Amino acid sequence: MTDINYVISWSGGKDSCLACYEALRRGYTVSYLVNFISTEPQRVRFHGTDVKLIQMQSQAIGISLIQKETTWNGYEQDFKVAIADLIPRGVKGMIFGDIYVQEHLDWVERVCADLGIIAVEPLWGQNPENILSSFIDSGFEAVVVSAKSDLIDKDWIGRKADRSFMQYLSKRGIDFCGENGEYHTLVTGGPIFKQRMQLLDSRTINKDGYWLLDTVKYQFE
């Protein structure tokens, strides 16, 4: 795989991180983390994470970051333009962290086919409980940064996605990986990180039915 460069669709959360980790272990060369953000506010699209935290992750991992603004209605076109710009740099494929939502896979395969690149889904078809267990057992750390307020208690925002969280999800009957948007995470350390991130000062806000972690102070440990 080393003669082909890949990029990864990077949200900053556990699934994209584990997909990157698995791809690297299989010998894929990952040249860029590609992160899509909303134009206003400046946060990761779908996850609500501060863009500066994603930049910090890139520094901690040592893989270059491409951040692109997208609009809701123009997301697919913005996505295609961003990836097409990387193809002249030798990028031949893209890695994603989808697990079982067929609509997601269909979109990824169609868009990548339009671009003429390979779509790679290292986590596809795996059991969500096993995926989260593998993430934890591999030594990764992540905190819950957003969650649907009608499903997950406010107290979990800013806390680790660990075994206790898995027990909580199990009792509530919530998908272990939050594949349907039940919650999102930010990875702060693990096997592919050269430095560990610390979130020092934050508050929880409620917006559009979601708890969001608003982090105002952070640093490398």
N, C-alpha and C. Protein backbone atom coordinates (compact mmCIF):
# COMPACT_ATOMS: atom_id res chain seq x y z
N MET A 1 0.81 -1.21 0.00
CA MET A 1 0.00 0.00 0.00
C MET A 1 0.85 1.27 0.00
N THR A 2 2.12 1.17 0.29
CA THR A 2 2.95 2.34 0.51
C THR A 2 3.19 3.17 -0.75
N ASP A 3 2.90 2.63 -1.94
CA ASP A 3 3.12 3.40 -3.17
C ASP A 3 1.90 4.24 -3.53
N ILE A 4 0.84 4.18 -2.71
CA ILE A 4 -0.38 4.95 -2.96
C ILE A 4 -0.66 5.81 -1.73
N ASN A 5 -0.92 7.09 -1.96
CA ASN A 5 -1.25 7.99 -0.86
C ASN A 5 -2.75 8.05 -0.64
N TYR A 6 -3.12 8.07 0.63
CA TYR A 6 -4.53 8.18 1.01
C TYR A 6 -4.73 9.39 1.90
N VAL A 7 -5.95 9.90 1.91
CA VAL A 7 -6.35 10.91 2.87
C VAL A 7 -7.46 10.29 3.71
N ILE A 8 -7.73 10.89 4.86
CA ILE A 8 -8.80 10.37 5.70
C ILE A 8 -9.82 11.45 5.97
N SER A 9 -11.07 11.09 5.89
CA SER A 9 -12.15 11.98 6.27
C SER A 9 -12.12 12.07 7.79
N TRP A 10 -11.67 13.20 8.32
CA TRP A 10 -11.32 13.32 9.74
C TRP A 10 -12.30 14.24 10.47
N SER A 11 -13.02 13.68 11.42
CA SER A 11 -13.94 14.47 12.24
C SER A 11 -13.32 14.87 13.57
N GLY A 12 -12.23 14.18 13.94
CA GLY A 12 -11.63 14.37 15.25
C GLY A 12 -12.15 13.40 16.28
N GLY A 13 -13.17 12.60 15.89
CA GLY A 13 -13.78 11.66 16.82
C GLY A 13 -13.21 10.26 16.74
N LYS A 14 -13.74 9.39 17.56
CA LYS A 14 -13.20 8.05 17.75
C LYS A 14 -13.25 7.18 16.48
N ASP A 15 -14.32 7.27 15.71
CA ASP A 15 -14.45 6.39 14.55
C ASP A 15 -13.45 6.73 13.45
N SER A 16 -13.32 8.01 13.12
CA SER A 16 -12.34 8.37 12.10
C SER A 16 -10.93 8.10 12.58
N CYS A 17 -10.70 8.27 13.89
CA CYS A 17 -9.38 8.00 14.46
C CYS A 17 -9.05 6.52 14.40
N LEU A 18 -10.00 5.68 14.78
CA LEU A 18 -9.76 4.24 14.75
C LEU A 18 -9.61 3.75 13.31
N ALA A 19 -10.37 4.32 12.39
CA ALA A 19 -10.23 3.95 10.98
C ALA A 19 -8.84 4.31 10.47
N CYS A 20 -8.34 5.46 10.88
CA CYS A 20 -6.98 5.87 10.51
C CYS A 20 -5.96 4.90 11.09
N TYR A 21 -6.12 4.57 12.34
CA TYR A 21 -5.22 3.64 13.03
C TYR A 21 -5.18 2.29 12.33
N GLU A 22 -6.37 1.76 12.00
CA GLU A 22 -6.44 0.46 11.33
C GLU A 22 -5.81 0.53 9.94
N ALA A 23 -6.05 1.63 9.23
CA ALA A 23 -5.46 1.77 7.90
C ALA A 23 -3.93 1.82 7.98
N LEU A 24 -3.41 2.55 8.95
CA LEU A 24 -1.96 2.63 9.12
C LEU A 24 -1.38 1.26 9.46
N ARG A 25 -2.10 0.51 10.29
CA ARG A 25 -1.62 -0.83 10.67
C ARG A 25 -1.62 -1.78 9.47
N ARG A 26 -2.49 -1.52 8.51
CA ARG A 26 -2.56 -2.36 7.31
C ARG A 26 -1.57 -1.91 6.23
N GLY A 27 -0.82 -0.85 6.53
CA GLY A 27 0.21 -0.41 5.61
C GLY A 27 -0.16 0.73 4.69
N TYR A 28 -1.32 1.33 4.87
CA TYR A 28 -1.71 2.47 4.06
C TYR A 28 -0.88 3.69 4.44
N THR A 29 -0.52 4.49 3.46
CA THR A 29 0.16 5.76 3.69
C THR A 29 -0.89 6.87 3.74
N VAL A 30 -1.03 7.50 4.90
CA VAL A 30 -2.02 8.57 5.08
C VAL A 30 -1.31 9.91 5.03
N SER A 31 -1.60 10.68 3.99
CA SER A 31 -0.90 11.94 3.75
C SER A 31 -1.58 13.15 4.39
N TYR A 32 -2.90 13.10 4.48
CA TYR A 32 -3.63 14.25 5.01
C TYR A 32 -4.84 13.82 5.84
N LEU A 33 -5.13 14.61 6.87
CA LEU A 33 -6.42 14.57 7.55
C LEU A 33 -7.27 15.64 6.88
N VAL A 34 -8.44 15.27 6.38
CA VAL A 34 -9.32 16.24 5.72
C VAL A 34 -10.54 16.47 6.60
N ASN A 35 -10.72 17.71 7.02
CA ASN A 35 -11.74 18.07 8.00
C ASN A 35 -12.65 19.15 7.42
N PHE A 36 -13.95 18.87 7.44
CA PHE A 36 -14.91 19.81 6.87
C PHE A 36 -15.63 20.56 7.98
N ILE A 37 -15.67 21.89 7.84
CA ILE A 37 -16.23 22.74 8.89
C ILE A 37 -17.35 23.60 8.32
N SER A 38 -18.24 24.02 9.20
CA SER A 38 -19.33 24.90 8.78
C SER A 38 -18.80 26.32 8.67
N THR A 39 -19.40 27.10 7.79
CA THR A 39 -18.95 28.47 7.59
C THR A 39 -19.23 29.35 8.80
N GLU A 40 -20.34 29.09 9.47
CA GLU A 40 -20.69 29.88 10.66
C GLU A 40 -21.56 29.03 11.57
N PRO A 41 -21.16 28.71 12.79
CA PRO A 41 -19.88 29.09 13.39
C PRO A 41 -18.74 28.21 12.88
N GLN A 42 -17.52 28.55 13.22
CA GLN A 42 -16.35 27.80 12.77
C GLN A 42 -16.18 26.53 13.61
N ARG A 43 -17.00 25.54 13.31
CA ARG A 43 -16.95 24.27 14.02
C ARG A 43 -17.03 23.11 13.04
N VAL A 44 -16.58 21.95 13.48
CA VAL A 44 -16.60 20.78 12.62
C VAL A 44 -18.04 20.43 12.26
N ARG A 45 -18.27 20.26 10.96
CA ARG A 45 -19.63 19.94 10.51
C ARG A 45 -20.08 18.59 11.09
N PHE A 46 -21.30 18.57 11.61
CA PHE A 46 -21.96 17.40 12.20
C PHE A 46 -21.49 17.12 13.64
N HIS A 47 -20.28 17.51 14.02
CA HIS A 47 -19.78 17.20 15.36
C HIS A 47 -19.79 18.40 16.30
N GLY A 48 -19.64 19.60 15.77
CA GLY A 48 -19.67 20.79 16.60
C GLY A 48 -18.39 21.09 17.35
N THR A 49 -17.28 20.45 16.96
CA THR A 49 -16.00 20.64 17.66
C THR A 49 -15.31 21.91 17.16
N ASP A 50 -14.68 22.63 18.08
CA ASP A 50 -13.90 23.82 17.75
C ASP A 50 -12.81 23.45 16.75
N VAL A 51 -12.68 24.23 15.68
CA VAL A 51 -11.71 23.91 14.63
C VAL A 51 -10.28 23.91 15.15
N LYS A 52 -10.00 24.71 16.17
CA LYS A 52 -8.64 24.79 16.70
C LYS A 52 -8.23 23.48 17.38
N LEU A 53 -9.19 22.76 17.91
CA LEU A 53 -8.88 21.46 18.53
C LEU A 53 -8.49 20.44 17.47
N ILE A 54 -9.08 20.53 16.30
CA ILE A 54 -8.70 19.63 15.20
C ILE A 54 -7.28 19.96 14.73
N GLN A 55 -6.96 21.23 14.68
CA GLN A 55 -5.61 21.65 14.32
C GLN A 55 -4.59 21.13 15.33
N MET A 56 -4.99 21.13 16.59
CA MET A 56 -4.13 20.62 17.66
C MET A 56 -3.92 19.11 17.50
N GLN A 57 -4.98 18.41 17.12
CA GLN A 57 -4.86 16.96 16.87
C GLN A 57 -3.85 16.69 15.76
N SER A 58 -3.96 17.43 14.68
CA SER A 58 -3.04 17.25 13.56
C SER A 58 -1.60 17.41 14.01
N GLN A 59 -1.35 18.42 14.82
CA GLN A 59 -0.01 18.65 15.34
C GLN A 59 0.44 17.49 16.22
N ALA A 60 -0.48 17.00 17.04
CA ALA A 60 -0.15 15.91 17.97
C ALA A 60 0.12 14.61 17.24
N ILE A 61 -0.57 14.38 16.13
CA ILE A 61 -0.41 13.14 15.36
C ILE A 61 0.77 13.22 14.41
N GLY A 62 0.96 14.41 13.82
CA GLY A 62 2.04 14.58 12.87
C GLY A 62 1.64 14.31 11.43
N ILE A 63 0.34 14.40 11.14
CA ILE A 63 -0.17 14.28 9.77
C ILE A 63 -0.79 15.62 9.40
N SER A 64 -0.46 16.13 8.22
CA SER A 64 -0.93 17.44 7.79
C SER A 64 -2.45 17.50 7.71
N LEU A 65 -3.00 18.67 8.02
CA LEU A 65 -4.44 18.87 8.06
C LEU A 65 -4.89 19.77 6.92
N ILE A 66 -5.97 19.35 6.27
CA ILE A 66 -6.67 20.19 5.30
C ILE A 66 -8.05 20.48 5.89
N GLN A 67 -8.34 21.74 6.18
CA GLN A 67 -9.66 22.13 6.68
C GLN A 67 -10.37 22.95 5.62
N LYS A 68 -11.60 22.55 5.31
CA LYS A 68 -12.37 23.22 4.28
C LYS A 68 -13.75 23.61 4.80
N GLU A 69 -14.14 24.86 4.52
CA GLU A 69 -15.48 25.30 4.86
C GLU A 69 -16.49 24.73 3.86
N THR A 70 -17.64 24.35 4.37
CA THR A 70 -18.70 23.85 3.50
C THR A 70 -20.03 24.44 3.94
N THR A 71 -20.94 24.53 3.01
CA THR A 71 -22.30 24.93 3.34
C THR A 71 -23.17 23.67 3.40
N TRP A 72 -24.31 23.76 4.04
CA TRP A 72 -25.18 22.59 4.15
C TRP A 72 -25.65 22.12 2.77
N ASN A 73 -26.15 23.04 1.98
CA ASN A 73 -26.69 22.67 0.67
C ASN A 73 -25.61 22.32 -0.34
N GLY A 74 -24.41 22.88 -0.14
CA GLY A 74 -23.34 22.64 -1.10
C GLY A 74 -22.30 21.66 -0.63
N TYR A 75 -22.65 20.85 0.39
CA TYR A 75 -21.65 19.98 1.01
C TYR A 75 -20.98 19.04 0.01
N GLU A 76 -21.77 18.35 -0.79
CA GLU A 76 -21.17 17.37 -1.71
C GLU A 76 -20.23 18.03 -2.71
N GLN A 77 -20.65 19.15 -3.27
CA GLN A 77 -19.80 19.84 -4.23
C GLN A 77 -18.53 20.36 -3.56
N ASP A 78 -18.67 20.92 -2.35
CA ASP A 78 -17.50 21.41 -1.62
C ASP A 78 -16.55 20.25 -1.30
N PHE A 79 -17.11 19.12 -0.94
CA PHE A 79 -16.32 17.92 -0.64
C PHE A 79 -15.52 17.51 -1.88
N LYS A 80 -16.20 17.44 -3.01
CA LYS A 80 -15.53 16.99 -4.24
C LYS A 80 -14.41 17.94 -4.64
N VAL A 81 -14.65 19.23 -4.52
CA VAL A 81 -13.62 20.21 -4.89
C VAL A 81 -12.40 20.07 -4.00
N ALA A 82 -12.64 19.89 -2.69
CA ALA A 82 -11.53 19.76 -1.74
C ALA A 82 -10.66 18.54 -2.04
N ILE A 83 -11.30 17.40 -2.34
CA ILE A 83 -10.55 16.18 -2.60
C ILE A 83 -9.91 16.22 -3.98
N ALA A 84 -10.61 16.78 -4.95
CA ALA A 84 -10.05 16.88 -6.31
C ALA A 84 -8.75 17.69 -6.30
N ASP A 85 -8.68 18.68 -5.43
CA ASP A 85 -7.46 19.50 -5.33
C ASP A 85 -6.27 18.70 -4.84
N LEU A 86 -6.53 17.57 -4.16
CA LEU A 86 -5.45 16.75 -3.60
C LEU A 86 -4.97 15.68 -4.57
N ILE A 87 -5.76 15.35 -5.55
CA ILE A 87 -5.40 14.28 -6.48
C ILE A 87 -4.09 14.56 -7.21
N PRO A 88 -3.83 15.81 -7.64
CA PRO A 88 -2.54 16.09 -8.29
C PRO A 88 -1.34 15.88 -7.36
N ARG A 89 -1.59 15.82 -6.06
CA ARG A 89 -0.51 15.60 -5.10
C ARG A 89 -0.24 14.10 -4.90
N GLY A 90 -0.90 13.28 -5.68
CA GLY A 90 -0.65 11.84 -5.59
C GLY A 90 -1.65 11.06 -4.79
N VAL A 91 -2.71 11.71 -4.33
CA VAL A 91 -3.74 11.02 -3.53
C VAL A 91 -4.59 10.14 -4.44
N LYS A 92 -4.70 8.87 -4.10
CA LYS A 92 -5.45 7.91 -4.91
C LYS A 92 -6.66 7.31 -4.19
N GLY A 93 -6.78 7.57 -2.89
CA GLY A 93 -7.88 6.98 -2.14
C GLY A 93 -8.20 7.75 -0.89
N MET A 94 -9.34 7.45 -0.29
CA MET A 94 -9.79 8.14 0.92
C MET A 94 -10.35 7.13 1.91
N ILE A 95 -10.03 7.34 3.17
CA ILE A 95 -10.42 6.43 4.25
C ILE A 95 -11.56 7.07 5.04
N PHE A 96 -12.55 6.27 5.39
CA PHE A 96 -13.72 6.73 6.13
C PHE A 96 -13.96 5.84 7.35
N GLY A 97 -14.72 6.35 8.32
CA GLY A 97 -14.99 5.60 9.54
C GLY A 97 -16.43 5.16 9.68
N ASP A 98 -17.10 4.90 8.58
CA ASP A 98 -18.49 4.43 8.65
C ASP A 98 -18.55 3.00 9.15
N ILE A 99 -19.70 2.65 9.76
CA ILE A 99 -19.82 1.33 10.40
C ILE A 99 -20.95 0.49 9.79
N TYR A 100 -22.18 1.04 9.75
CA TYR A 100 -23.26 0.20 9.22
C TYR A 100 -24.39 0.96 8.52
N VAL A 101 -24.37 2.27 8.52
CA VAL A 101 -25.45 3.00 7.86
C VAL A 101 -25.24 2.95 6.35
N GLN A 102 -26.09 2.20 5.67
CA GLN A 102 -25.91 1.94 4.24
C GLN A 102 -25.92 3.23 3.42
N GLU A 103 -26.74 4.18 3.83
CA GLU A 103 -26.82 5.46 3.11
C GLU A 103 -25.45 6.16 3.09
N HIS A 104 -24.72 6.05 4.21
CA HIS A 104 -23.38 6.65 4.28
C HIS A 104 -22.43 5.96 3.30
N LEU A 105 -22.46 4.64 3.31
CA LEU A 105 -21.57 3.88 2.42
C LEU A 105 -21.90 4.17 0.96
N ASP A 106 -23.18 4.21 0.62
CA ASP A 106 -23.59 4.48 -0.76
C ASP A 106 -23.07 5.84 -1.21
N TRP A 107 -23.17 6.84 -0.33
CA TRP A 107 -22.70 8.20 -0.67
C TRP A 107 -21.19 8.21 -0.89
N VAL A 108 -20.47 7.59 0.04
CA VAL A 108 -19.01 7.54 -0.04
C VAL A 108 -18.56 6.88 -1.34
N GLU A 109 -19.14 5.74 -1.66
CA GLU A 109 -18.72 5.00 -2.85
C GLU A 109 -19.07 5.76 -4.13
N ARG A 110 -20.23 6.41 -4.14
CA ARG A 110 -20.62 7.18 -5.33
C ARG A 110 -19.71 8.39 -5.54
N VAL A 111 -19.46 9.14 -4.48
CA VAL A 111 -18.65 10.35 -4.59
C VAL A 111 -17.20 10.00 -4.94
N CYS A 112 -16.67 8.96 -4.32
CA CYS A 112 -15.29 8.56 -4.63
C CYS A 112 -15.18 8.06 -6.07
N ALA A 113 -16.21 7.36 -6.53
CA ALA A 113 -16.21 6.90 -7.93
C ALA A 113 -16.23 8.09 -8.87
N ASP A 114 -17.01 9.12 -8.53
CA ASP A 114 -17.05 10.33 -9.35
C ASP A 114 -15.67 10.99 -9.42
N LEU A 115 -14.93 10.92 -8.32
CA LEU A 115 -13.60 11.54 -8.24
C LEU A 115 -12.50 10.64 -8.83
N GLY A 116 -12.82 9.37 -9.03
CA GLY A 116 -11.83 8.43 -9.55
C GLY A 116 -10.82 7.98 -8.52
N ILE A 117 -11.25 7.95 -7.25
CA ILE A 117 -10.36 7.48 -6.18
C ILE A 117 -10.98 6.27 -5.48
N ILE A 118 -10.17 5.60 -4.67
CA ILE A 118 -10.59 4.40 -3.95
C ILE A 118 -11.20 4.79 -2.61
N ALA A 119 -12.34 4.19 -2.26
CA ALA A 119 -12.94 4.39 -0.94
C ALA A 119 -12.57 3.21 -0.04
N VAL A 120 -12.05 3.51 1.15
CA VAL A 120 -11.63 2.47 2.10
C VAL A 120 -12.43 2.65 3.39
N GLU A 121 -13.05 1.57 3.85
CA GLU A 121 -13.89 1.60 5.06
C GLU A 121 -13.41 0.51 6.04
N PRO A 122 -12.39 0.78 6.84
CA PRO A 122 -11.82 -0.26 7.72
C PRO A 122 -12.76 -0.79 8.79
N LEU A 123 -13.76 0.01 9.18
CA LEU A 123 -14.65 -0.40 10.28
C LEU A 123 -15.97 -0.98 9.79
N TRP A 124 -16.19 -0.96 8.49
CA TRP A 124 -17.51 -1.32 7.95
C TRP A 124 -17.90 -2.75 8.32
N GLY A 125 -19.12 -2.90 8.82
CA GLY A 125 -19.68 -4.22 9.12
C GLY A 125 -19.30 -4.78 10.47
N GLN A 126 -18.47 -4.08 11.22
CA GLN A 126 -18.07 -4.56 12.54
C GLN A 126 -19.14 -4.22 13.58
N ASN A 127 -19.14 -4.97 14.66
CA ASN A 127 -20.08 -4.74 15.76
C ASN A 127 -19.71 -3.46 16.50
N PRO A 128 -20.64 -2.51 16.66
CA PRO A 128 -20.32 -1.25 17.32
C PRO A 128 -19.74 -1.40 18.72
N GLU A 129 -20.24 -2.37 19.48
CA GLU A 129 -19.69 -2.59 20.83
C GLU A 129 -18.24 -3.02 20.74
N ASN A 130 -17.93 -3.89 19.78
CA ASN A 130 -16.54 -4.34 19.60
C ASN A 130 -15.63 -3.19 19.14
N ILE A 131 -16.18 -2.30 18.32
CA ILE A 131 -15.39 -1.17 17.84
C ILE A 131 -15.00 -0.26 18.99
N LEU A 132 -15.97 0.10 19.83
CA LEU A 132 -15.67 0.99 20.95
C LEU A 132 -14.74 0.31 21.95
N SER A 133 -14.94 -0.99 22.17
CA SER A 133 -14.04 -1.74 23.06
C SER A 133 -12.62 -1.76 22.50
N SER A 134 -12.49 -1.96 21.20
CA SER A 134 -11.18 -1.97 20.55
C SER A 134 -10.51 -0.62 20.66
N PHE A 135 -11.28 0.43 20.49
CA PHE A 135 -10.76 1.80 20.61
C PHE A 135 -10.16 2.01 21.99
N ILE A 136 -10.90 1.61 23.02
CA ILE A 136 -10.44 1.79 24.40
C ILE A 136 -9.25 0.88 24.69
N ASP A 137 -9.36 -0.39 24.30
CA ASP A 137 -8.30 -1.37 24.58
C ASP A 137 -7.00 -1.03 23.86
N SER A 138 -7.10 -0.32 22.73
CA SER A 138 -5.90 0.06 21.98
C SER A 138 -5.14 1.20 22.64
N GLY A 139 -5.75 1.81 23.65
CA GLY A 139 -5.08 2.88 24.38
C GLY A 139 -5.49 4.28 23.98
N PHE A 140 -6.54 4.40 23.17
CA PHE A 140 -7.02 5.74 22.80
C PHE A 140 -7.85 6.33 23.93
N GLU A 141 -7.85 7.64 24.00
CA GLU A 141 -8.70 8.37 24.95
C GLU A 141 -9.52 9.39 24.18
N ALA A 142 -10.78 9.52 24.55
CA ALA A 142 -11.65 10.48 23.89
C ALA A 142 -12.65 11.01 24.91
N VAL A 143 -13.09 12.24 24.69
CA VAL A 143 -14.13 12.82 25.54
C VAL A 143 -15.37 13.07 24.71
N VAL A 144 -16.52 13.01 25.36
CA VAL A 144 -17.80 13.28 24.69
C VAL A 144 -17.93 14.79 24.52
N VAL A 145 -18.06 15.24 23.27
CA VAL A 145 -18.11 16.68 23.02
C VAL A 145 -19.49 17.16 22.55
N SER A 146 -20.34 16.25 22.15
CA SER A 146 -21.71 16.62 21.80
C SER A 146 -22.60 15.39 21.90
N ALA A 147 -23.88 15.63 22.16
CA ALA A 147 -24.83 14.52 22.29
C ALA A 147 -26.25 15.05 22.19
N LYS A 148 -27.13 14.21 21.70
CA LYS A 148 -28.54 14.58 21.66
C LYS A 148 -29.05 14.72 23.10
N SER A 149 -29.61 15.88 23.41
CA SER A 149 -29.98 16.18 24.80
C SER A 149 -31.16 15.34 25.29
N ASP A 150 -31.94 14.76 24.39
CA ASP A 150 -33.05 13.92 24.82
C ASP A 150 -32.63 12.47 25.02
N LEU A 151 -31.38 12.14 24.72
CA LEU A 151 -30.89 10.77 24.87
C LEU A 151 -29.81 10.62 25.94
N ILE A 152 -28.93 11.60 26.03
CA ILE A 152 -27.75 11.48 26.89
C ILE A 152 -27.72 12.63 27.88
N ASP A 153 -27.47 12.31 29.14
CA ASP A 153 -27.46 13.30 30.20
C ASP A 153 -26.33 14.32 30.03
N LYS A 154 -26.61 15.53 30.43
CA LYS A 154 -25.65 16.63 30.34
C LYS A 154 -24.34 16.31 31.05
N ASP A 155 -24.41 15.55 32.15
CA ASP A 155 -23.22 15.25 32.95
C ASP A 155 -22.14 14.51 32.16
N TRP A 156 -22.51 13.86 31.06
CA TRP A 156 -21.52 13.10 30.29
C TRP A 156 -20.70 13.98 29.35
N ILE A 157 -21.15 15.18 29.11
CA ILE A 157 -20.41 16.06 28.19
C ILE A 157 -19.09 16.48 28.86
N GLY A 158 -18.01 16.23 28.15
CA GLY A 158 -16.68 16.52 28.68
C GLY A 158 -16.04 15.35 29.41
N ARG A 159 -16.79 14.27 29.59
CA ARG A 159 -16.24 13.08 30.27
C ARG A 159 -15.70 12.08 29.24
N LYS A 160 -14.89 11.16 29.71
CA LYS A 160 -14.27 10.18 28.82
C LYS A 160 -15.28 9.17 28.28
N ALA A 161 -15.07 8.79 27.04
CA ALA A 161 -15.83 7.69 26.44
C ALA A 161 -15.12 6.40 26.82
N ASP A 162 -15.38 5.93 28.04
CA ASP A 162 -14.67 4.78 28.59
C ASP A 162 -15.64 3.65 28.89
N ARG A 163 -15.19 2.69 29.70
CA ARG A 163 -16.05 1.54 30.02
C ARG A 163 -17.31 1.96 30.77
N SER A 164 -17.20 2.96 31.61
CA SER A 164 -18.38 3.46 32.33
C SER A 164 -19.39 4.04 31.35
N PHE A 165 -18.89 4.72 30.36
CA PHE A 165 -19.77 5.28 29.34
C PHE A 165 -20.43 4.16 28.54
N MET A 166 -19.68 3.10 28.25
CA MET A 166 -20.25 1.97 27.54
C MET A 166 -21.40 1.35 28.35
N GLN A 167 -21.22 1.24 29.65
CA GLN A 167 -22.28 0.70 30.50
C GLN A 167 -23.51 1.59 30.47
N TYR A 168 -23.28 2.88 30.49
CA TYR A 168 -24.38 3.85 30.42
C TYR A 168 -25.15 3.70 29.11
N LEU A 169 -24.41 3.62 28.00
CA LEU A 169 -25.05 3.46 26.69
C LEU A 169 -25.86 2.17 26.62
N SER A 170 -25.31 1.10 27.18
CA SER A 170 -25.98 -0.19 27.17
C SER A 170 -27.30 -0.12 27.94
N LYS A 171 -27.27 0.52 29.10
CA LYS A 171 -28.49 0.62 29.91
C LYS A 171 -29.55 1.47 29.23
N ARG A 172 -29.12 2.47 28.46
CA ARG A 172 -30.07 3.36 27.79
C ARG A 172 -30.47 2.84 26.42
N GLY A 173 -29.86 1.75 25.97
CA GLY A 173 -30.18 1.20 24.66
C GLY A 173 -29.72 2.06 23.50
N ILE A 174 -28.61 2.77 23.73
CA ILE A 174 -28.06 3.68 22.72
C ILE A 174 -26.93 2.99 21.97
N ASP A 175 -26.87 3.18 20.68
CA ASP A 175 -25.81 2.59 19.86
C ASP A 175 -24.45 2.93 20.45
N PHE A 176 -23.60 1.92 20.59
CA PHE A 176 -22.32 2.12 21.26
C PHE A 176 -21.43 3.14 20.56
N CYS A 177 -21.52 3.22 19.25
CA CYS A 177 -20.68 4.16 18.50
C CYS A 177 -21.41 5.44 18.12
N GLY A 178 -22.69 5.54 18.49
CA GLY A 178 -23.44 6.73 18.11
C GLY A 178 -23.50 6.92 16.61
N GLU A 179 -23.65 5.83 15.88
CA GLU A 179 -23.58 5.86 14.42
C GLU A 179 -24.69 6.70 13.79
N ASN A 180 -25.78 6.88 14.53
CA ASN A 180 -26.89 7.69 14.01
C ASN A 180 -26.88 9.11 14.58
N GLY A 181 -25.71 9.55 15.08
CA GLY A 181 -25.57 10.91 15.57
C GLY A 181 -25.97 11.11 17.02
N GLU A 182 -26.11 10.00 17.77
CA GLU A 182 -26.53 10.12 19.17
C GLU A 182 -25.52 10.91 20.00
N TYR A 183 -24.24 10.74 19.70
CA TYR A 183 -23.20 11.50 20.40
C TYR A 183 -21.95 11.55 19.53
N HIS A 184 -21.05 12.47 19.85
CA HIS A 184 -19.78 12.60 19.15
C HIS A 184 -18.66 12.82 20.16
N THR A 185 -17.44 12.48 19.74
CA THR A 185 -16.29 12.56 20.64
C THR A 185 -15.14 13.35 20.01
N LEU A 186 -14.19 13.68 20.87
CA LEU A 186 -12.91 14.25 20.44
C LEU A 186 -11.82 13.38 21.03
N VAL A 187 -10.94 12.86 20.17
CA VAL A 187 -9.84 12.01 20.64
C VAL A 187 -8.72 12.92 21.15
N THR A 188 -8.23 12.63 22.35
CA THR A 188 -7.21 13.47 22.97
C THR A 188 -5.85 12.78 23.11
N GLY A 189 -5.80 11.48 22.84
CA GLY A 189 -4.53 10.77 22.94
C GLY A 189 -4.68 9.34 22.49
N GLY A 190 -3.54 8.69 22.28
CA GLY A 190 -3.57 7.28 21.87
C GLY A 190 -2.36 6.91 21.04
N PRO A 191 -2.36 5.70 20.49
CA PRO A 191 -1.20 5.15 19.79
C PRO A 191 -0.66 5.98 18.64
N ILE A 192 -1.52 6.71 17.93
CA ILE A 192 -1.02 7.50 16.81
C ILE A 192 -0.68 8.94 17.21
N PHE A 193 -0.89 9.27 18.48
CA PHE A 193 -0.59 10.61 18.99
C PHE A 193 0.81 10.66 19.58
N LYS A 194 1.57 11.69 19.22
CA LYS A 194 2.89 11.91 19.79
C LYS A 194 2.82 12.76 21.05
N GLN A 195 1.71 13.48 21.21
CA GLN A 195 1.45 14.29 22.39
C GLN A 195 0.01 14.09 22.82
N ARG A 196 -0.24 14.21 24.11
CA ARG A 196 -1.59 14.07 24.63
C ARG A 196 -2.19 15.45 24.85
N MET A 197 -3.46 15.60 24.50
CA MET A 197 -4.16 16.88 24.65
C MET A 197 -4.92 16.93 25.97
N GLN A 198 -4.94 18.11 26.57
CA GLN A 198 -5.69 18.34 27.79
C GLN A 198 -6.71 19.45 27.56
N LEU A 199 -7.96 19.21 27.93
CA LEU A 199 -9.00 20.23 27.88
C LEU A 199 -9.13 20.78 29.30
N LEU A 200 -8.76 22.03 29.48
CA LEU A 200 -8.61 22.58 30.83
C LEU A 200 -9.81 23.36 31.31
N ASP A 201 -10.48 24.04 30.42
CA ASP A 201 -11.59 24.91 30.84
C ASP A 201 -12.68 24.85 29.78
N SER A 202 -13.87 24.47 30.18
CA SER A 202 -14.96 24.34 29.21
C SER A 202 -16.30 24.50 29.91
N ARG A 203 -17.32 24.66 29.09
CA ARG A 203 -18.69 24.72 29.61
C ARG A 203 -19.60 23.98 28.64
N THR A 204 -20.74 23.56 29.13
CA THR A 204 -21.70 22.83 28.29
C THR A 204 -22.85 23.75 27.93
N ILE A 205 -23.14 23.82 26.64
CA ILE A 205 -24.25 24.62 26.17
C ILE A 205 -25.26 23.73 25.46
N ASN A 206 -26.48 24.21 25.34
CA ASN A 206 -27.53 23.47 24.64
C ASN A 206 -27.91 24.24 23.39
N LYS A 207 -27.82 23.57 22.24
CA LYS A 207 -28.14 24.23 20.98
C LYS A 207 -28.81 23.25 20.03
N ASP A 208 -29.98 23.60 19.57
CA ASP A 208 -30.70 22.80 18.57
C ASP A 208 -30.87 21.35 18.98
N GLY A 209 -31.14 21.12 20.27
CA GLY A 209 -31.38 19.76 20.74
C GLY A 209 -30.14 18.97 21.06
N TYR A 210 -28.98 19.63 21.07
CA TYR A 210 -27.72 18.96 21.37
C TYR A 210 -27.02 19.64 22.54
N TRP A 211 -26.42 18.83 23.39
CA TRP A 211 -25.43 19.34 24.33
C TRP A 211 -24.13 19.53 23.55
N LEU A 212 -23.45 20.65 23.74
CA LEU A 212 -22.17 20.91 23.08
C LEU A 212 -21.14 21.34 24.11
N LEU A 213 -19.94 20.77 24.00
CA LEU A 213 -18.85 21.18 24.87
C LEU A 213 -18.15 22.38 24.24
N ASP A 214 -18.20 23.49 24.95
CA ASP A 214 -17.54 24.71 24.48
C ASP A 214 -16.22 24.85 25.24
N THR A 215 -15.13 24.50 24.59
CA THR A 215 -13.83 24.47 25.23
C THR A 215 -13.09 25.78 24.98
N VAL A 216 -12.67 26.42 26.05
CA VAL A 216 -12.05 27.74 25.92
C VAL A 216 -10.56 27.71 26.28
N LYS A 217 -10.09 26.63 26.90
CA LYS A 217 -8.68 26.55 27.26
C LYS A 217 -8.20 25.11 27.13
N TYR A 218 -7.09 24.93 26.43
CA TYR A 218 -6.57 23.58 26.22
C TYR A 218 -5.07 23.69 25.96
N GLN A 219 -4.40 22.56 26.14
CA GLN A 219 -2.95 22.55 25.96
C GLN A 219 -2.48 21.11 25.76
N PHE A 220 -1.21 20.96 25.36
CA PHE A 220 -0.59 19.65 25.33
C PHE A 220 -0.11 19.32 26.74
N GLU A 221 -0.24 18.05 27.10
CA GLU A 221 0.19 17.62 28.42
C GLU A 221 1.70 17.59 28.51
